[in-house]
Every structure is written in structure tokens, then in C-alpha cells.
Amino acid sequence: MNQAIQFPDREFWDEELSAVVFPALVNGMQLICAIKGEALAHRFGGGTPETWLAGFREHRWDLEEEAEQAIREEQEDGQGWFWLS
């Protein structure tokens, strides 16, 4: 499948999900991607939502690449979200 995938800089911390949530635009359609705070802590350290969001921003390109692969492989959950582990 040939998809144009873009990641606007609109990530945010979702307290209820304990995750950084970020959108992806695929051929104009918005999809939702996310990664749990504990996964970010395991990868990059930190122990607060602020440090996890900072870690996400610092490693944005790598995380977006993972999300792009998950989207291309159609690895969405039952709600249509793409979760990085």
C-alpha cells in the first residue's frame, strides 16, 4: 500500500491513558498513535509525564518511524489506535 504519512507536532499527555498521544495523517485521514509512559520510561528514563513527553519529543523521529511501520502493517487495536510498545 502506498501511503503518504505525516506526523503533525500535536502530541499531548493523556492522564487517563497514562500515555503520550499523537496524530498521524494518512492520505488526509487522521489516525491516532500512542505510547504508554512506562514504555517511554523504559526506553528513555524519567518518571513523570513531563519527562516522558520531553523524551517523546527528543526521540520523535524514531518513534514516528515505528508508528509509520505499525500503520503500514495495519497493527491498529480494536479502537483503531496504533500503540507503540
PDB file of N, CA and C in Angstrom:
ATOM      1  N   MET A   1       0.840  -1.163   0.000  1.00  0.00           N
ATOM      2  CA  MET A   1       0.000   0.000   0.000  1.00  0.00           C
ATOM      3  C   MET A   1       0.889   1.231   0.000  1.00  0.00           C
ATOM      4  N   ASN A   2       0.575   2.167  -0.856  1.00  0.00           N
ATOM      5  CA  ASN A   2       1.354   3.391  -0.996  1.00  0.00           C
ATOM      6  C   ASN A   2       0.648   4.507  -0.235  1.00  0.00           C
ATOM      7  N   GLN A   3       1.202   4.877   0.924  1.00  0.00           N
ATOM      8  CA  GLN A   3       0.558   5.881   1.766  1.00  0.00           C
ATOM      9  C   GLN A   3       1.500   7.036   2.040  1.00  0.00           C
ATOM     10  N   ALA A   4       0.969   8.241   2.024  1.00  0.00           N
ATOM     11  CA  ALA A   4       1.708   9.411   2.465  1.00  0.00           C
ATOM     12  C   ALA A   4       1.353   9.622   3.938  1.00  0.00           C
ATOM     13  N   ILE A   5       2.335   9.449   4.828  1.00  0.00           N
ATOM     14  CA  ILE A   5       2.091   9.550   6.263  1.00  0.00           C
ATOM     15  C   ILE A   5       2.837  10.757   6.807  1.00  0.00           C
ATOM     16  N   GLN A   6       2.100  11.617   7.510  1.00  0.00           N
ATOM     17  CA  GLN A   6       2.692  12.796   8.131  1.00  0.00           C
ATOM     18  C   GLN A   6       2.340  12.803   9.617  1.00  0.00           C
ATOM     19  N   PHE A   7       3.225  13.400  10.424  1.00  0.00           N
ATOM     20  CA  PHE A   7       3.020  13.486  11.860  1.00  0.00           C
ATOM     21  C   PHE A   7       3.083  14.952  12.291  1.00  0.00           C
ATOM     22  N   PRO A   8       1.924  15.601  12.453  1.00  0.00           N
ATOM     23  CA  PRO A   8       1.940  16.980  12.931  1.00  0.00           C
ATOM     24  C   PRO A   8       2.430  17.035  14.385  1.00  0.00           C
ATOM     25  N   ASP A   9       3.012  18.147  14.781  1.00  0.00           N
ATOM     26  CA  ASP A   9       3.533  18.313  16.133  1.00  0.00           C
ATOM     27  C   ASP A   9       2.395  18.670  17.087  1.00  0.00           C
ATOM     28  N   ARG A  10       1.523  17.692  17.360  1.00  0.00           N
ATOM     29  CA  ARG A  10       0.377  17.932  18.239  1.00  0.00           C
ATOM     30  C   ARG A  10       0.269  16.849  19.298  1.00  0.00           C
ATOM     31  N   GLU A  11       1.402  16.375  19.784  1.00  0.00           N
ATOM     32  CA  GLU A  11       1.388  15.352  20.810  1.00  0.00           C
ATOM     33  C   GLU A  11       0.970  15.959  22.147  1.00  0.00           C
ATOM     34  N   PHE A  12       0.377  15.117  23.002  1.00  0.00           N
ATOM     35  CA  PHE A  12      -0.012  15.568  24.333  1.00  0.00           C
ATOM     36  C   PHE A  12      -0.027  14.384  25.286  1.00  0.00           C
ATOM     37  N   TRP A  13       0.045  14.699  26.563  1.00  0.00           N
ATOM     38  CA  TRP A  13      -0.030  13.676  27.603  1.00  0.00           C
ATOM     39  C   TRP A  13      -1.499  13.460  27.952  1.00  0.00           C
ATOM     40  N   ASP A  14      -1.951  12.213  27.881  1.00  0.00           N
ATOM     41  CA  ASP A  14      -3.316  11.855  28.262  1.00  0.00           C
ATOM     42  C   ASP A  14      -3.257  11.191  29.628  1.00  0.00           C
ATOM     43  N   GLU A  15      -3.727  11.902  30.632  1.00  0.00           N
ATOM     44  CA  GLU A  15      -3.648  11.420  32.019  1.00  0.00           C
ATOM     45  C   GLU A  15      -4.433  10.123  32.206  1.00  0.00           C
ATOM     46  N   GLU A  16      -5.606  10.038  31.612  1.00  0.00           N
ATOM     47  CA  GLU A  16      -6.453   8.859  31.764  1.00  0.00           C
ATOM     48  C   GLU A  16      -5.791   7.602  31.195  1.00  0.00           C
ATOM     49  N   LEU A  17      -5.112   7.751  30.069  1.00  0.00           N
ATOM     50  CA  LEU A  17      -4.441   6.608  29.425  1.00  0.00           C
ATOM     51  C   LEU A  17      -3.014   6.411  29.917  1.00  0.00           C
ATOM     52  N   SER A  18      -2.473   7.407  30.628  1.00  0.00           N
ATOM     53  CA  SER A  18      -1.054   7.401  31.040  1.00  0.00           C
ATOM     54  C   SER A  18      -0.163   7.189  29.818  1.00  0.00           C
ATOM     55  N   ALA A  19      -0.425   7.998  28.793  1.00  0.00           N
ATOM     56  CA  ALA A  19       0.284   7.821  27.524  1.00  0.00           C
ATOM     57  C   ALA A  19       0.442   9.157  26.809  1.00  0.00           C
ATOM     58  N   VAL A  20       1.481   9.217  25.971  1.00  0.00           N
ATOM     59  CA  VAL A  20       1.615  10.320  25.027  1.00  0.00           C
ATOM     60  C   VAL A  20       0.809   9.916  23.792  1.00  0.00           C
ATOM     61  N   VAL A  21      -0.083  10.780  23.390  1.00  0.00           N
ATOM     62  CA  VAL A  21      -0.954  10.540  22.242  1.00  0.00           C
ATOM     63  C   VAL A  21      -0.537  11.517  21.146  1.00  0.00           C
ATOM     64  N   PHE A  22      -0.436  11.011  19.919  1.00  0.00           N
ATOM     65  CA  PHE A  22      -0.029  11.868  18.808  1.00  0.00           C
ATOM     66  C   PHE A  22      -0.727  11.437  17.528  1.00  0.00           C
ATOM     67  N   PRO A  23      -1.115  12.423  16.699  1.00  0.00           N
ATOM     68  CA  PRO A  23      -1.838  12.100  15.472  1.00  0.00           C
ATOM     69  C   PRO A  23      -0.904  11.756  14.319  1.00  0.00           C
ATOM     70  N   ALA A  24      -1.449  11.011  13.390  1.00  0.00           N
ATOM     71  CA  ALA A  24      -0.787  10.742  12.109  1.00  0.00           C
ATOM     72  C   ALA A  24      -1.811  11.044  11.025  1.00  0.00           C
ATOM     73  N   LEU A  25      -1.356  11.677   9.973  1.00  0.00           N
ATOM     74  CA  LEU A  25      -2.228  11.939   8.829  1.00  0.00           C
ATOM     75  C   LEU A  25      -1.824  11.006   7.703  1.00  0.00           C
ATOM     76  N   VAL A  26      -2.776  10.194   7.275  1.00  0.00           N
ATOM     77  CA  VAL A  26      -2.525   9.223   6.211  1.00  0.00           C
ATOM     78  C   VAL A  26      -3.462   9.553   5.064  1.00  0.00           C
ATOM     79  N   ASN A  27      -2.878  10.074   3.990  1.00  0.00           N
ATOM     80  CA  ASN A  27      -3.667  10.496   2.828  1.00  0.00           C
ATOM     81  C   ASN A  27      -4.827  11.381   3.255  1.00  0.00           C
ATOM     82  N   GLY A  28      -4.562  12.302   4.195  1.00  0.00           N
ATOM     83  CA  GLY A  28      -5.562  13.252   4.645  1.00  0.00           C
ATOM     84  C   GLY A  28      -6.450  12.770   5.781  1.00  0.00           C
ATOM     85  N   MET A  29      -6.415  11.492   6.102  1.00  0.00           N
ATOM     86  CA  MET A  29      -7.230  10.945   7.180  1.00  0.00           C
ATOM     87  C   MET A  29      -6.415  10.913   8.478  1.00  0.00           C
ATOM     88  N   GLN A  30      -7.015  11.374   9.582  1.00  0.00           N
ATOM     89  CA  GLN A  30      -6.273  11.384  10.849  1.00  0.00           C
ATOM     90  C   GLN A  30      -6.415  10.054  11.574  1.00  0.00           C
ATOM     91  N   LEU A  31      -5.277   9.504  11.977  1.00  0.00           N
ATOM     92  CA  LEU A  31      -5.214   8.314  12.811  1.00  0.00           C
ATOM     93  C   LEU A  31      -4.589   8.718  14.138  1.00  0.00           C
ATOM     94  N   ILE A  32      -4.801   7.915  15.164  1.00  0.00           N
ATOM     95  CA  ILE A  32      -4.256   8.221  16.483  1.00  0.00           C
ATOM     96  C   ILE A  32      -3.227   7.155  16.863  1.00  0.00           C
ATOM     97  N   CYS A  33      -2.070   7.653  17.304  1.00  0.00           N
ATOM     98  CA  CYS A  33      -0.995   6.797  17.781  1.00  0.00           C
ATOM     99  C   CYS A  33      -0.733   7.146  19.243  1.00  0.00           C
ATOM    100  N   ALA A  34      -0.172   6.199  19.987  1.00  0.00           N
ATOM    101  CA  ALA A  34       0.105   6.462  21.395  1.00  0.00           C
ATOM    102  C   ALA A  34       1.208   5.541  21.891  1.00  0.00           C
ATOM    103  N   ILE A  35       1.838   5.980  22.985  1.00  0.00           N
ATOM    104  CA  ILE A  35       2.832   5.168  23.669  1.00  0.00           C
ATOM    105  C   ILE A  35       2.697   5.443  25.161  1.00  0.00           C
ATOM    106  N   LYS A  36       2.635   4.382  25.953  1.00  0.00           N
ATOM    107  CA  LYS A  36       2.464   4.498  27.403  1.00  0.00           C
ATOM    108  C   LYS A  36       3.677   5.156  28.042  1.00  0.00           C
ATOM    109  N   GLY A  37       3.432   5.858  29.127  1.00  0.00           N
ATOM    110  CA  GLY A  37       4.503   6.481  29.888  1.00  0.00           C
ATOM    111  C   GLY A  37       5.521   5.475  30.370  1.00  0.00           C
ATOM    112  N   GLU A  38       5.064   4.302  30.808  1.00  0.00           N
ATOM    113  CA  GLU A  38       6.010   3.295  31.292  1.00  0.00           C
ATOM    114  C   GLU A  38       6.916   2.782  30.173  1.00  0.00           C
ATOM    115  N   ALA A  39       6.404   2.729  28.943  1.00  0.00           N
ATOM    116  CA  ALA A  39       7.250   2.337  27.813  1.00  0.00           C
ATOM    117  C   ALA A  39       8.300   3.410  27.545  1.00  0.00           C
ATOM    118  N   LEU A  40       7.892   4.679  27.652  1.00  0.00           N
ATOM    119  CA  LEU A  40       8.851   5.770  27.476  1.00  0.00           C
ATOM    120  C   LEU A  40       9.887   5.766  28.594  1.00  0.00           C
ATOM    121  N   ALA A  41       9.457   5.476  29.825  1.00  0.00           N
ATOM    122  CA  ALA A  41      10.386   5.407  30.958  1.00  0.00           C
ATOM    123  C   ALA A  41      11.401   4.289  30.742  1.00  0.00           C
ATOM    124  N   HIS A  42      10.927   3.158  30.247  1.00  0.00           N
ATOM    125  CA  HIS A  42      11.822   2.021  29.990  1.00  0.00           C
ATOM    126  C   HIS A  42      12.843   2.374  28.908  1.00  0.00           C
ATOM    127  N   ARG A  43      12.411   3.071  27.890  1.00  0.00           N
ATOM    128  CA  ARG A  43      13.296   3.424  26.772  1.00  0.00           C
ATOM    129  C   ARG A  43      14.240   4.575  27.097  1.00  0.00           C
ATOM    130  N   PHE A  44      13.686   5.643  27.721  1.00  0.00           N
ATOM    131  CA  PHE A  44      14.435   6.889  27.827  1.00  0.00           C
ATOM    132  C   PHE A  44      14.625   7.391  29.252  1.00  0.00           C
ATOM    133  N   GLY A  45      14.075   6.686  30.225  1.00  0.00           N
ATOM    134  CA  GLY A  45      14.186   7.125  31.614  1.00  0.00           C
ATOM    135  C   GLY A  45      13.099   8.129  31.955  1.00  0.00           C
ATOM    136  N   GLY A  46      13.207   8.675  33.143  1.00  0.00           N
ATOM    137  CA  GLY A  46      12.212   9.645  33.603  1.00  0.00           C
ATOM    138  C   GLY A  46      11.116   8.963  34.380  1.00  0.00           C
ATOM    139  N   GLY A  47      10.403   9.759  35.158  1.00  0.00           N
ATOM    140  CA  GLY A  47       9.357   9.182  35.990  1.00  0.00           C
ATOM    141  C   GLY A  47       8.137  10.060  36.133  1.00  0.00           C
ATOM    142  N   THR A  48       8.014  11.081  35.299  1.00  0.00           N
ATOM    143  CA  THR A  48       6.839  11.954  35.350  1.00  0.00           C
ATOM    144  C   THR A  48       6.320  12.184  33.940  1.00  0.00           C
ATOM    145  N   PRO A  49       5.067  12.558  33.829  1.00  0.00           N
ATOM    146  CA  PRO A  49       4.532  12.854  32.492  1.00  0.00           C
ATOM    147  C   PRO A  49       5.352  13.906  31.749  1.00  0.00           C
ATOM    148  N   GLU A  50       5.878  14.885  32.466  1.00  0.00           N
ATOM    149  CA  GLU A  50       6.680  15.926  31.811  1.00  0.00           C
ATOM    150  C   GLU A  50       7.949  15.338  31.198  1.00  0.00           C
ATOM    151  N   THR A  51       8.622  14.434  31.939  1.00  0.00           N
ATOM    152  CA  THR A  51       9.852  13.849  31.395  1.00  0.00           C
ATOM    153  C   THR A  51       9.547  12.871  30.265  1.00  0.00           C
ATOM    154  N   TRP A  52       8.406  12.195  30.338  1.00  0.00           N
ATOM    155  CA  TRP A  52       8.045  11.277  29.258  1.00  0.00           C
ATOM    156  C   TRP A  52       7.695  12.049  27.986  1.00  0.00           C
ATOM    157  N   LEU A  53       7.004  13.161  28.138  1.00  0.00           N
ATOM    158  CA  LEU A  53       6.678  13.987  26.978  1.00  0.00           C
ATOM    159  C   LEU A  53       7.953  14.581  26.390  1.00  0.00           C
ATOM    160  N   ALA A  54       8.872  14.997  27.251  1.00  0.00           N
ATOM    161  CA  ALA A  54      10.160  15.518  26.772  1.00  0.00           C
ATOM    162  C   ALA A  54      10.941  14.418  26.050  1.00  0.00           C
ATOM    163  N   GLY A  55      10.927  13.195  26.589  1.00  0.00           N
ATOM    164  CA  GLY A  55      11.597  12.063  25.932  1.00  0.00           C
ATOM    165  C   GLY A  55      10.984  11.761  24.578  1.00  0.00           C
ATOM    166  N   PHE A  56       9.665  11.837  24.508  1.00  0.00           N
ATOM    167  CA  PHE A  56       8.999  11.638  23.223  1.00  0.00           C
ATOM    168  C   PHE A  56       9.492  12.668  22.215  1.00  0.00           C
ATOM    169  N   ARG A  57       9.509  13.928  22.639  1.00  0.00           N
ATOM    170  CA  ARG A  57       9.906  14.998  21.723  1.00  0.00           C
ATOM    171  C   ARG A  57      11.367  14.870  21.297  1.00  0.00           C
ATOM    172  N   GLU A  58      12.202  14.440  22.223  1.00  0.00           N
ATOM    173  CA  GLU A  58      13.623  14.280  21.902  1.00  0.00           C
ATOM    174  C   GLU A  58      13.850  13.145  20.910  1.00  0.00           C
ATOM    175  N   HIS A  59      13.029  12.108  20.987  1.00  0.00           N
ATOM    176  CA  HIS A  59      13.206  10.920  20.134  1.00  0.00           C
ATOM    177  C   HIS A  59      12.076  10.787  19.119  1.00  0.00           C
ATOM    178  N   ARG A  60      11.465  11.918  18.801  1.00  0.00           N
ATOM    179  CA  ARG A  60      10.309  11.950  17.906  1.00  0.00           C
ATOM    180  C   ARG A  60      10.525  11.178  16.602  1.00  0.00           C
ATOM    181  N   TRP A  61      11.660  11.401  15.939  1.00  0.00           N
ATOM    182  CA  TRP A  61      11.868  10.796  14.613  1.00  0.00           C
ATOM    183  C   TRP A  61      11.842   9.276  14.683  1.00  0.00           C
ATOM    184  N   ASP A  62      12.492   8.708  15.699  1.00  0.00           N
ATOM    185  CA  ASP A  62      12.500   7.248  15.841  1.00  0.00           C
ATOM    186  C   ASP A  62      11.105   6.717  16.146  1.00  0.00           C
ATOM    187  N   LEU A  63      10.382   7.394  17.037  1.00  0.00           N
ATOM    188  CA  LEU A  63       9.038   6.949  17.401  1.00  0.00           C
ATOM    189  C   LEU A  63       8.068   7.090  16.231  1.00  0.00           C
ATOM    190  N   GLU A  64       8.194   8.151  15.470  1.00  0.00           N
ATOM    191  CA  GLU A  64       7.341   8.310  14.287  1.00  0.00           C
ATOM    192  C   GLU A  64       7.642   7.238  13.247  1.00  0.00           C
ATOM    193  N   GLU A  65       8.893   6.850  13.144  1.00  0.00           N
ATOM    194  CA  GLU A  65       9.254   5.777  12.218  1.00  0.00           C
ATOM    195  C   GLU A  65       8.587   4.464  12.644  1.00  0.00           C
ATOM    196  N   GLU A  66       8.587   4.184  13.950  1.00  0.00           N
ATOM    197  CA  GLU A  66       7.901   2.991  14.459  1.00  0.00           C
ATOM    198  C   GLU A  66       6.410   3.063  14.182  1.00  0.00           C
ATOM    199  N   ALA A  67       5.827   4.230  14.426  1.00  0.00           N
ATOM    200  CA  ALA A  67       4.397   4.398  14.185  1.00  0.00           C
ATOM    201  C   ALA A  67       4.079   4.215  12.704  1.00  0.00           C
ATOM    202  N   GLU A  68       4.934   4.758  11.848  1.00  0.00           N
ATOM    203  CA  GLU A  68       4.727   4.603  10.406  1.00  0.00           C
ATOM    204  C   GLU A  68       4.731   3.127  10.016  1.00  0.00           C
ATOM    205  N   GLN A  69       5.638   2.368  10.586  1.00  0.00           N
ATOM    206  CA  GLN A  69       5.689   0.934  10.289  1.00  0.00           C
ATOM    207  C   GLN A  69       4.423   0.236  10.787  1.00  0.00           C
ATOM    208  N   ALA A  70       3.961   0.583  11.990  1.00  0.00           N
ATOM    209  CA  ALA A  70       2.736  -0.018  12.532  1.00  0.00           C
ATOM    210  C   ALA A  70       1.533   0.312  11.646  1.00  0.00           C
ATOM    211  N   ILE A  71       1.480   1.537  11.147  1.00  0.00           N
ATOM    212  CA  ILE A  71       0.381   1.944  10.262  1.00  0.00           C
ATOM    213  C   ILE A  71       0.454   1.163   8.954  1.00  0.00           C
ATOM    214  N   ARG A  72       1.624   1.068   8.377  1.00  0.00           N
ATOM    215  CA  ARG A  72       1.775   0.336   7.108  1.00  0.00           C
ATOM    216  C   ARG A  72       1.414  -1.145   7.267  1.00  0.00           C
ATOM    217  N   GLU A  73       1.690  -1.688   8.470  1.00  0.00           N
ATOM    218  CA  GLU A  73       1.390  -3.099   8.736  1.00  0.00           C
ATOM    219  C   GLU A  73      -0.009  -3.291   9.319  1.00  0.00           C
ATOM    220  N   GLU A  74      -0.776  -2.194   9.386  1.00  0.00           N
ATOM    221  CA  GLU A  74      -2.167  -2.220   9.847  1.00  0.00           C
ATOM    222  C   GLU A  74      -2.297  -2.866  11.226  1.00  0.00           C
ATOM    223  N   GLN A  75      -1.482  -2.424  12.181  1.00  0.00           N
ATOM    224  CA  GLN A  75      -1.451  -3.002  13.524  1.00  0.00           C
ATOM    225  C   GLN A  75      -2.299  -2.214  14.529  1.00  0.00           C
ATOM    226  N   GLU A  76      -3.449  -1.718  14.092  1.00  0.00           N
ATOM    227  CA  GLU A  76      -4.290  -0.965  14.996  1.00  0.00           C
ATOM    228  C   GLU A  76      -5.037  -1.882  15.968  1.00  0.00           C
ATOM    229  N   ASP A  77      -5.404  -1.305  17.125  1.00  0.00           N
ATOM    230  CA  ASP A  77      -6.162  -2.078  18.100  1.00  0.00           C
ATOM    231  C   ASP A  77      -7.651  -2.035  17.728  1.00  0.00           C
ATOM    232  N   GLY A  78      -8.494  -2.553  18.585  1.00  0.00           N
ATOM    233  CA  GLY A  78      -9.928  -2.608  18.311  1.00  0.00           C
ATOM    234  C   GLY A  78     -10.587  -1.243  18.197  1.00  0.00           C
ATOM    235  N   GLN A  79      -9.940  -0.202  18.727  1.00  0.00           N
ATOM    236  CA  GLN A  79     -10.464   1.153  18.647  1.00  0.00           C
ATOM    237  C   GLN A  79      -9.889   1.922  17.448  1.00  0.00           C
ATOM    238  N   GLY A  80      -8.983   1.280  16.701  1.00  0.00           N
ATOM    239  CA  GLY A  80      -8.363   1.931  15.550  1.00  0.00           C
ATOM    240  C   GLY A  80      -7.118   2.737  15.902  1.00  0.00           C
ATOM    241  N   TRP A  81      -6.599   2.551  17.124  1.00  0.00           N
ATOM    242  CA  TRP A  81      -5.392   3.265  17.566  1.00  0.00           C
ATOM    243  C   TRP A  81      -4.165   2.409  17.286  1.00  0.00           C
ATOM    244  N   PHE A  82      -3.034   3.088  17.103  1.00  0.00           N
ATOM    245  CA  PHE A  82      -1.760   2.417  16.886  1.00  0.00           C
ATOM    246  C   PHE A  82      -0.896   2.652  18.119  1.00  0.00           C
ATOM    247  N   TRP A  83      -0.642   1.590  18.891  1.00  0.00           N
ATOM    248  CA  TRP A  83       0.119   1.676  20.136  1.00  0.00           C
ATOM    249  C   TRP A  83       1.543   1.204  19.919  1.00  0.00           C
ATOM    250  N   LEU A  84       2.495   2.016  20.347  1.00  0.00           N
ATOM    251  CA  LEU A  84       3.902   1.612  20.333  1.00  0.00           C
ATOM    252  C   LEU A  84       4.196   0.959  21.666  1.00  0.00           C
ATOM    253  N   SER A  85       5.074  -0.039  21.657  1.00  0.00           N
ATOM    254  CA  SER A  85       5.395  -0.710  22.919  1.00  0.00           C
ATOM    255  C   SER A  85       6.805  -0.398  23.357  1.00  0.00           C
TER     256      SER A  85
END
